[in-house]
């Protein structure tokens, strides 16, 4: 069945991981993470089945704030090593506001996973769908189709990746370090230019914008300098710059004029949430975090413990993150079947909104997690 109960799913995951095929490390995490991860798995499996591809094989790894509360550690023993052995990682949601470290920060093993496996390219698509809420009155808001590319291992998050890097000076002062390295930034910018090239090949404008604060911070001037050094490698991609404060304004005034935006970690964290709000909300915020050897995929929203298990969560961010994972596996394996499965998911979401058959509760509609998932499944399997 598409939606199994938790015990059945754990048994299937444990057994299937021993079979041949692409292996996925599954971290459901906290709150609605379990709900939306199960929805995404059901849709990914259905899309693969539709085109005759073998199913993926999942191993669930316990991690998150709830696990920390029970055990005193944020991921099960050996969990990080198993994450590194998988072909991809899928995550539901991590963190609970009520469970924190002594320094006041939330439980966040995924930040350490990003750091350990070099997941520098945080890919966050922002797309307007028909009949989904559009917060801007301008009719051009229906044309929003951009990607925020967030560097995910350095920047101002550098000190948060592994607890203890912050310089805490008693109860009077705390200093966090913003780190920009040439090695990571070169890879990030090349990833961004290649992404703009691929989008251009599919008929979208080939434009990339470097978003920074180069007028004030030497680290950001360095970030832009490296962008300028990489740009000549991609002569067919147009590029421009924007200061982050101006770009926050432009995402409200004219978001339809932007296509690929590359930026530092904290800037990307903030602007991707802002952009998500323009196309409905965080329930549509898919995310892929990609490195040279590993890829992690998750909805960018939080764990929303207040609606956990109540069949109210919008699973579309997780489902679309599953499509990103399939695209990643297509590139990694050279199999176009995965790309076809990803397209089947994306088309199901598009046609569902076009036909007004997707009405998530997040948007004031009458469809909970199971109903939205069932509608996507019905479209894929018909």
Protein backbone atom coordinates (compact mmCIF):
# COMPACT_ATOMS: atom_id res chain seq x y z
CA UNK A 1 0.00 0.00 0.00
CA UNK A 2 1.23 3.54 -0.62
CA UNK A 3 0.95 4.61 3.02
CA UNK A 4 2.12 1.98 5.51
CA UNK A 5 1.88 2.20 9.26
CA UNK A 6 5.14 2.99 11.00
CA UNK A 7 5.97 -0.57 12.09
CA UNK A 8 5.27 -1.98 8.62
CA UNK A 9 7.39 0.73 7.00
CA UNK A 10 10.31 0.10 9.36
CA UNK A 11 10.21 -3.61 8.51
CA UNK A 12 10.12 -2.89 4.76
CA UNK A 13 12.95 -0.39 5.04
CA UNK A 14 15.13 -2.75 7.07
CA UNK A 15 14.55 -5.65 4.67
CA UNK A 16 14.84 -3.68 1.43
CA UNK A 17 18.12 -2.06 2.42
CA UNK A 18 19.77 -5.46 2.12
CA UNK A 19 18.73 -5.81 -1.53
CA UNK A 20 20.54 -4.52 -4.61
CA UNK A 21 19.79 -1.01 -5.83
CA UNK A 22 20.26 2.60 -4.81
CA UNK A 23 20.29 3.00 -1.06
CA UNK A 24 18.74 5.96 0.71
CA UNK A 25 19.52 6.94 4.29
CA UNK A 26 16.19 8.08 5.74
CA UNK A 27 16.09 10.46 8.70
CA UNK A 28 12.46 11.20 9.54
CA UNK A 29 13.51 13.35 12.49
CA UNK A 30 10.99 15.26 14.57
CA UNK A 31 7.41 16.50 14.50
CA UNK A 32 5.79 16.34 11.07
CA UNK A 33 9.04 14.97 9.67
CA UNK A 34 7.61 11.45 9.91
CA UNK A 35 4.36 12.47 8.19
CA UNK A 36 5.91 14.23 5.23
CA UNK A 37 8.77 11.76 4.76
CA UNK A 38 6.30 8.88 4.47
CA UNK A 39 4.33 10.88 1.90
CA UNK A 40 7.45 11.60 -0.14
CA UNK A 41 8.56 7.95 -0.09
CA UNK A 42 5.14 6.79 -1.28
CA UNK A 43 5.19 9.25 -4.20
CA UNK A 44 8.81 8.51 -5.18
CA UNK A 45 8.09 4.78 -5.15
CA UNK A 46 4.96 5.27 -7.28
CA UNK A 47 6.80 7.42 -9.83
CA UNK A 48 9.57 4.84 -10.19
CA UNK A 49 7.04 2.04 -10.54
CA UNK A 50 5.16 3.94 -13.24
CA UNK A 51 8.18 4.03 -15.53
CA UNK A 52 9.36 0.53 -14.67
CA UNK A 53 12.32 1.47 -12.48
CA UNK A 54 13.40 -0.63 -9.51
CA UNK A 55 12.41 0.82 -6.13
CA UNK A 56 14.86 2.62 -3.90
CA UNK A 57 15.95 0.91 -0.71
CA UNK A 58 15.74 2.84 2.55
CA UNK A 59 17.47 2.54 5.89
CA UNK A 60 15.93 4.64 8.62
CA UNK A 61 18.39 6.32 10.96
CA UNK A 62 17.16 7.74 14.27
CA UNK A 63 18.20 11.35 14.81
CA UNK A 64 16.85 14.66 16.03
CA UNK A 65 15.69 16.47 19.12
CA UNK A 66 13.33 13.73 20.29
CA UNK A 67 16.12 11.17 20.01
CA UNK A 68 18.45 13.54 21.88
CA UNK A 69 15.90 13.93 24.68
CA UNK A 70 15.67 10.16 25.06
CA UNK A 71 19.36 9.27 24.70
CA UNK A 72 21.53 12.36 25.20
CA UNK A 73 22.91 12.11 21.63
CA UNK A 74 21.44 13.63 18.47
CA UNK A 75 21.94 10.68 16.08
CA UNK A 76 22.08 6.95 16.72
CA UNK A 77 25.52 5.32 17.11
CA UNK A 78 27.05 4.74 13.70
CA UNK A 79 24.32 6.81 12.06
CA UNK A 80 26.62 9.33 10.44
CA UNK A 81 28.76 6.56 8.97
CA UNK A 82 25.68 4.91 7.45
CA UNK A 83 24.61 8.26 6.04
CA UNK A 84 27.94 8.42 4.23
CA UNK A 85 27.52 4.93 2.79
CA UNK A 86 24.15 5.69 1.17
CA UNK A 87 23.64 6.90 -2.40
CA UNK A 88 21.49 9.78 -1.13
CA UNK A 89 19.97 11.05 2.10
CA UNK A 90 16.34 11.99 2.66
CA UNK A 91 15.28 13.92 5.75
CA UNK A 92 11.84 14.87 7.08
CA UNK A 93 12.45 17.66 9.58
CA UNK A 94 14.83 18.16 12.50
CA UNK A 95 14.46 20.10 15.74
CA UNK A 96 12.00 20.89 18.50
CA UNK A 97 11.95 24.42 19.95
CA UNK A 98 11.53 23.11 23.50
CA UNK A 99 14.65 20.89 23.38
CA UNK A 100 17.95 22.78 23.23
CA UNK A 101 21.63 22.61 24.06
CA UNK A 102 22.91 24.42 27.10
CA UNK A 103 23.99 27.37 24.94
CA UNK A 104 20.37 27.88 23.86
CA UNK A 105 20.69 26.52 20.31
CA UNK A 106 18.42 23.81 18.95
CA UNK A 107 19.41 20.21 18.26
CA UNK A 108 20.71 20.15 14.68
CA UNK A 109 22.71 17.06 13.60
CA UNK A 110 21.92 17.92 9.97
CA UNK A 111 24.27 20.92 10.21
CA UNK A 112 27.06 18.56 11.18
CA UNK A 113 26.11 16.20 8.33
CA UNK A 114 26.36 19.11 5.88
CA UNK A 115 29.80 19.94 7.23
CA UNK A 116 31.10 16.37 7.37
CA UNK A 117 30.04 15.44 3.83
CA UNK A 118 30.71 18.82 2.19
CA UNK A 119 27.13 19.56 1.11
CA UNK A 120 28.00 23.06 -0.05
CA UNK A 121 25.27 23.64 -2.67
CA UNK A 122 21.88 24.29 -1.06
CA UNK A 123 19.39 24.22 -3.95
CA UNK A 124 16.04 25.83 -3.11
CA UNK A 125 13.57 26.13 -6.01
CA UNK A 126 10.87 28.80 -5.75
CA UNK A 127 8.02 28.32 -8.22
CA UNK A 128 4.53 29.81 -8.44
CA UNK A 129 1.77 27.27 -9.09
CA UNK A 130 -1.70 28.03 -10.50
CA UNK A 131 -4.37 28.38 -7.79
CA UNK A 132 -1.75 28.29 -5.02
CA UNK A 133 -1.64 31.49 -2.93
CA UNK A 134 0.32 34.34 -4.50
CA UNK A 135 1.12 37.06 -2.01
CA UNK A 136 1.82 39.76 -4.59
CA UNK A 137 -1.02 41.47 -6.44
CA UNK A 138 0.97 41.95 -9.64
CA UNK A 139 -0.14 39.33 -12.22
CA UNK A 140 3.52 38.75 -13.10
CA UNK A 141 3.85 36.94 -9.76
CA UNK A 142 2.43 33.90 -11.56
CA UNK A 143 5.73 33.79 -13.50
CA UNK A 144 8.00 33.31 -10.46
CA UNK A 145 10.37 30.42 -11.22
CA UNK A 146 13.77 30.88 -9.60
CA UNK A 147 16.36 28.93 -7.63
CA UNK A 148 18.16 30.22 -4.57
CA UNK A 149 21.58 28.59 -4.36
CA UNK A 150 22.69 28.81 -0.76
CA UNK A 151 26.21 27.87 0.28
CA UNK A 152 25.46 25.43 3.11
CA UNK A 153 28.72 24.65 4.95
CA UNK A 154 30.42 27.99 5.60
CA UNK A 155 29.36 31.60 5.92
CA UNK A 156 27.88 32.63 9.24
CA UNK A 157 26.76 29.04 9.89
CA UNK A 158 30.41 27.94 10.09
CA UNK A 159 30.44 28.14 13.88
CA UNK A 160 27.10 26.34 14.14
CA UNK A 161 28.16 23.26 12.18
CA UNK A 162 29.97 21.76 15.17
CA UNK A 163 29.02 23.07 18.63
CA UNK A 164 31.89 24.65 20.49
CA UNK A 165 33.28 26.83 17.69
CA UNK A 166 31.53 29.94 18.95
CA UNK A 167 33.73 32.12 21.13
CA UNK A 168 31.59 32.47 24.26
CA UNK A 169 33.14 34.96 26.68
CA UNK A 170 31.25 34.40 29.87
CA UNK A 171 27.87 36.08 30.02
CA UNK A 172 29.07 39.30 28.42
CA UNK A 173 29.94 38.50 24.81
CA UNK A 174 29.68 35.87 22.08
CA UNK A 175 31.61 35.93 18.82
CA UNK A 176 30.68 33.81 15.79
CA UNK A 177 32.97 33.50 12.79
CA UNK A 178 31.88 34.05 9.18
CA UNK A 179 34.07 31.89 6.94
CA UNK A 180 34.44 32.07 3.15
CA UNK A 181 37.03 29.81 1.52
CA UNK A 182 38.20 29.83 -2.07
CA UNK A 183 37.86 26.07 -2.51
CA UNK A 184 34.19 25.91 -1.49
CA UNK A 185 33.21 29.19 -3.13
CA UNK A 186 34.70 28.21 -6.48
CA UNK A 187 32.68 24.98 -6.41
CA UNK A 188 29.53 26.85 -5.41
CA UNK A 189 29.81 29.40 -8.21
CA UNK A 190 30.55 26.74 -10.83
CA UNK A 191 27.52 24.81 -9.59
CA UNK A 192 25.45 27.98 -9.98
CA UNK A 193 26.65 28.74 -13.50
CA UNK A 194 26.04 25.13 -14.57
CA UNK A 195 22.56 25.31 -13.08
CA UNK A 196 21.88 28.48 -15.08
CA UNK A 197 23.17 26.71 -18.21
CA UNK A 198 20.85 23.74 -17.67
CA UNK A 199 17.86 25.99 -17.09
CA UNK A 200 18.71 27.95 -20.23
CA UNK A 201 18.85 24.70 -22.23
CA UNK A 202 15.26 24.05 -21.11
CA UNK A 203 14.04 27.42 -22.37
CA UNK A 204 14.45 29.54 -19.26
CA UNK A 205 16.62 32.67 -19.18
CA UNK A 206 20.27 31.88 -18.46
CA UNK A 207 20.80 34.55 -15.80
CA UNK A 208 22.65 34.19 -12.49
CA UNK A 209 22.76 36.87 -9.78
CA UNK A 210 25.50 37.10 -7.16
CA UNK A 211 23.85 38.31 -3.94
CA UNK A 212 26.31 39.64 -1.38
CA UNK A 213 27.32 42.50 0.90
CA UNK A 214 30.55 43.30 -0.89
CA UNK A 215 30.32 47.01 -0.16
CA UNK A 216 30.98 46.44 3.57
CA UNK A 217 32.51 43.04 4.33
CA UNK A 218 35.86 41.82 3.00
CA UNK A 219 34.49 38.27 3.10
CA UNK A 220 31.70 39.27 0.72
CA UNK A 221 34.07 41.18 -1.57
CA UNK A 222 36.10 37.95 -1.72
CA UNK A 223 32.92 35.98 -2.52
CA UNK A 224 32.19 38.35 -5.43
CA UNK A 225 35.81 38.32 -6.62
CA UNK A 226 35.69 34.55 -7.00
CA UNK A 227 32.33 34.85 -8.80
CA UNK A 228 33.99 37.21 -11.30
CA UNK A 229 36.88 34.77 -11.79
CA UNK A 230 34.51 31.87 -12.55
CA UNK A 231 32.16 33.80 -14.87
CA UNK A 232 34.43 33.71 -17.99
CA UNK A 233 34.24 29.89 -17.91
CA UNK A 234 30.55 30.21 -18.84
CA UNK A 235 30.40 32.79 -21.66
CA UNK A 236 26.79 31.98 -22.56
CA UNK A 237 25.43 32.74 -19.08
CA UNK A 238 24.49 36.31 -18.26
CA UNK A 239 25.39 37.48 -14.76
CA UNK A 240 24.59 40.44 -12.53
CA UNK A 241 25.09 41.47 -8.88
CA UNK A 242 22.84 42.67 -6.10
CA UNK A 243 23.48 43.65 -2.51
CA UNK A 244 21.50 41.47 -0.14
CA UNK A 245 19.41 44.29 1.33
CA UNK A 246 18.49 45.49 -2.17
CA UNK A 247 17.69 41.96 -3.21
CA UNK A 248 15.31 41.48 -0.29
CA UNK A 249 13.48 44.51 -1.63
CA UNK A 250 13.60 43.23 -5.22
CA UNK A 251 12.13 39.87 -4.21
CA UNK A 252 9.05 41.84 -3.22
CA UNK A 253 9.10 44.33 -6.09
CA UNK A 254 10.06 42.10 -9.05
CA UNK A 255 10.86 38.45 -8.18
CA UNK A 256 9.86 37.38 -11.71
CA UNK A 257 13.05 39.03 -13.03
CA UNK A 258 15.40 36.55 -11.27
CA UNK A 259 16.33 32.97 -12.12
CA UNK A 260 19.42 31.65 -10.26
CA UNK A 261 20.62 33.48 -7.15
CA UNK A 262 23.90 32.47 -5.50
CA UNK A 263 24.70 33.64 -1.97
CA UNK A 264 26.30 33.05 1.42
CA UNK A 265 24.75 30.65 3.92
CA UNK A 266 22.85 33.03 6.23
CA UNK A 267 21.66 35.23 3.37
CA UNK A 268 20.32 32.13 1.64
CA UNK A 269 18.60 30.93 4.80
CA UNK A 270 16.71 34.20 5.15
CA UNK A 271 15.93 34.99 1.50
CA UNK A 272 14.76 31.46 0.67
CA UNK A 273 12.12 31.69 3.40
CA UNK A 274 11.08 35.12 2.13
CA UNK A 275 10.83 33.77 -1.41
CA UNK A 276 8.90 30.72 -0.22
CA UNK A 277 6.31 33.04 1.25
CA UNK A 278 5.75 34.59 -2.16
CA UNK A 279 4.52 31.29 -3.64
CA UNK A 280 2.31 30.06 -0.83
CA UNK A 281 4.45 29.18 2.15
CA UNK A 282 7.08 26.84 3.51
CA UNK A 283 4.93 23.83 2.66
CA UNK A 284 6.13 24.34 -0.93
CA UNK A 285 9.82 24.84 -0.02
CA UNK A 286 11.77 21.92 -1.45
CA UNK A 287 15.50 21.66 -0.81
CA UNK A 288 18.51 19.71 -1.99
CA UNK A 289 21.95 20.00 -0.38
CA UNK A 290 24.57 18.67 -2.74
CA UNK A 291 28.28 18.07 -2.51
CA UNK A 292 30.88 16.38 -4.67
CA UNK A 293 30.03 12.87 -3.42
CA UNK A 294 26.80 13.11 -1.41
CA UNK A 295 23.35 14.68 -1.61
CA UNK A 296 20.76 15.33 1.11
CA UNK A 297 17.14 16.20 0.31
CA UNK A 298 14.54 17.61 2.67
CA UNK A 299 11.68 20.07 2.88
CA UNK A 300 13.02 23.41 4.09
CA UNK A 301 10.24 23.89 6.62
CA UNK A 302 10.44 23.15 10.34
CA UNK A 303 9.12 20.24 12.37
CA UNK A 304 5.81 21.94 13.36
CA UNK A 305 5.26 19.77 16.46
CA UNK A 306 1.91 21.48 17.12
CA UNK A 307 0.35 19.61 14.16
CA UNK A 308 2.39 16.40 14.32
CA UNK A 309 0.30 13.33 13.57
CA UNK A 310 -2.86 15.37 12.96
CA UNK A 311 -2.98 14.93 9.16
CA UNK A 312 -2.63 18.69 8.66
CA UNK A 313 0.88 19.10 7.25
CA UNK A 314 1.40 20.07 3.61
CA UNK A 315 3.60 17.26 2.19
CA UNK A 316 4.36 18.98 -1.13
CA UNK A 317 7.74 20.40 -0.06
CA UNK A 318 8.85 16.90 0.90
CA UNK A 319 7.37 15.39 -2.27
CA UNK A 320 9.12 17.95 -4.46
CA UNK A 321 12.34 17.30 -2.51
CA UNK A 322 11.90 13.66 -3.50
CA UNK A 323 11.81 14.77 -7.12
CA UNK A 324 15.07 16.69 -6.56
CA UNK A 325 16.57 13.49 -5.13
CA UNK A 326 15.56 11.56 -8.23
CA UNK A 327 17.16 14.19 -10.47
CA UNK A 328 20.32 13.88 -8.38
CA UNK A 329 20.31 10.09 -8.75
CA UNK A 330 19.79 10.50 -12.51
CA UNK A 331 22.93 12.60 -12.78
CA UNK A 332 24.88 10.40 -10.38
CA UNK A 333 23.97 7.11 -12.06
CA UNK A 334 23.55 8.25 -15.66
CA UNK A 335 20.05 6.74 -15.71
CA UNK A 336 17.46 8.92 -17.44
CA UNK A 337 14.72 6.86 -15.81
CA UNK A 338 15.22 8.70 -12.54
CA UNK A 339 14.86 12.02 -14.36
CA UNK A 340 11.62 10.75 -15.95
CA UNK A 341 10.30 9.79 -12.51
CA UNK A 342 11.20 13.23 -11.16
CA UNK A 343 9.35 14.86 -14.06
CA UNK A 344 6.30 12.70 -13.36
CA UNK A 345 6.19 14.06 -9.80
CA UNK A 346 6.67 17.66 -10.89
CA UNK A 347 3.95 17.30 -13.54
CA UNK A 348 1.57 15.78 -10.98
CA UNK A 349 1.99 18.79 -8.71
CA UNK A 350 1.59 21.22 -11.61
CA UNK A 351 -1.55 19.57 -13.00
CA UNK A 352 -2.99 19.14 -9.53
CA UNK A 353 -2.85 22.86 -8.91
CA UNK A 354 -4.03 23.66 -12.44
CA UNK A 355 -7.10 21.51 -11.91
CA UNK A 356 -7.63 22.85 -8.38
CA UNK A 357 -7.39 19.29 -7.09
CA UNK A 358 -4.65 20.24 -4.61
CA UNK A 359 -6.02 22.28 -1.72
CA UNK A 360 -3.63 21.95 1.25
CA UNK A 361 -4.84 23.03 4.68
CA UNK A 362 -1.78 25.26 4.85
CA UNK A 363 -3.46 27.40 2.18
CA UNK A 364 -6.86 27.34 3.83
CA UNK A 365 -8.00 24.32 1.86
CA UNK A 366 -9.73 21.12 2.91
CA UNK A 367 -6.94 18.58 2.23
CA UNK A 368 -4.61 17.19 4.84
CA UNK A 369 -1.37 15.26 4.40
CA UNK A 370 -3.02 12.00 3.32
CA UNK A 371 -5.47 13.61 0.90
CA UNK A 372 -2.78 15.66 -0.86
CA UNK A 373 -0.55 12.60 -1.10
CA UNK A 374 -3.38 10.46 -2.43
CA UNK A 375 -4.16 13.03 -5.13
CA UNK A 376 -0.53 13.07 -6.29
CA UNK A 377 -0.45 9.28 -6.28
CA UNK A 378 -3.65 9.08 -8.27
CA UNK A 379 -2.25 11.43 -10.92
CA UNK A 380 1.02 9.54 -11.19
CA UNK A 381 -0.51 6.07 -11.39
CA UNK A 382 -3.44 6.76 -13.74
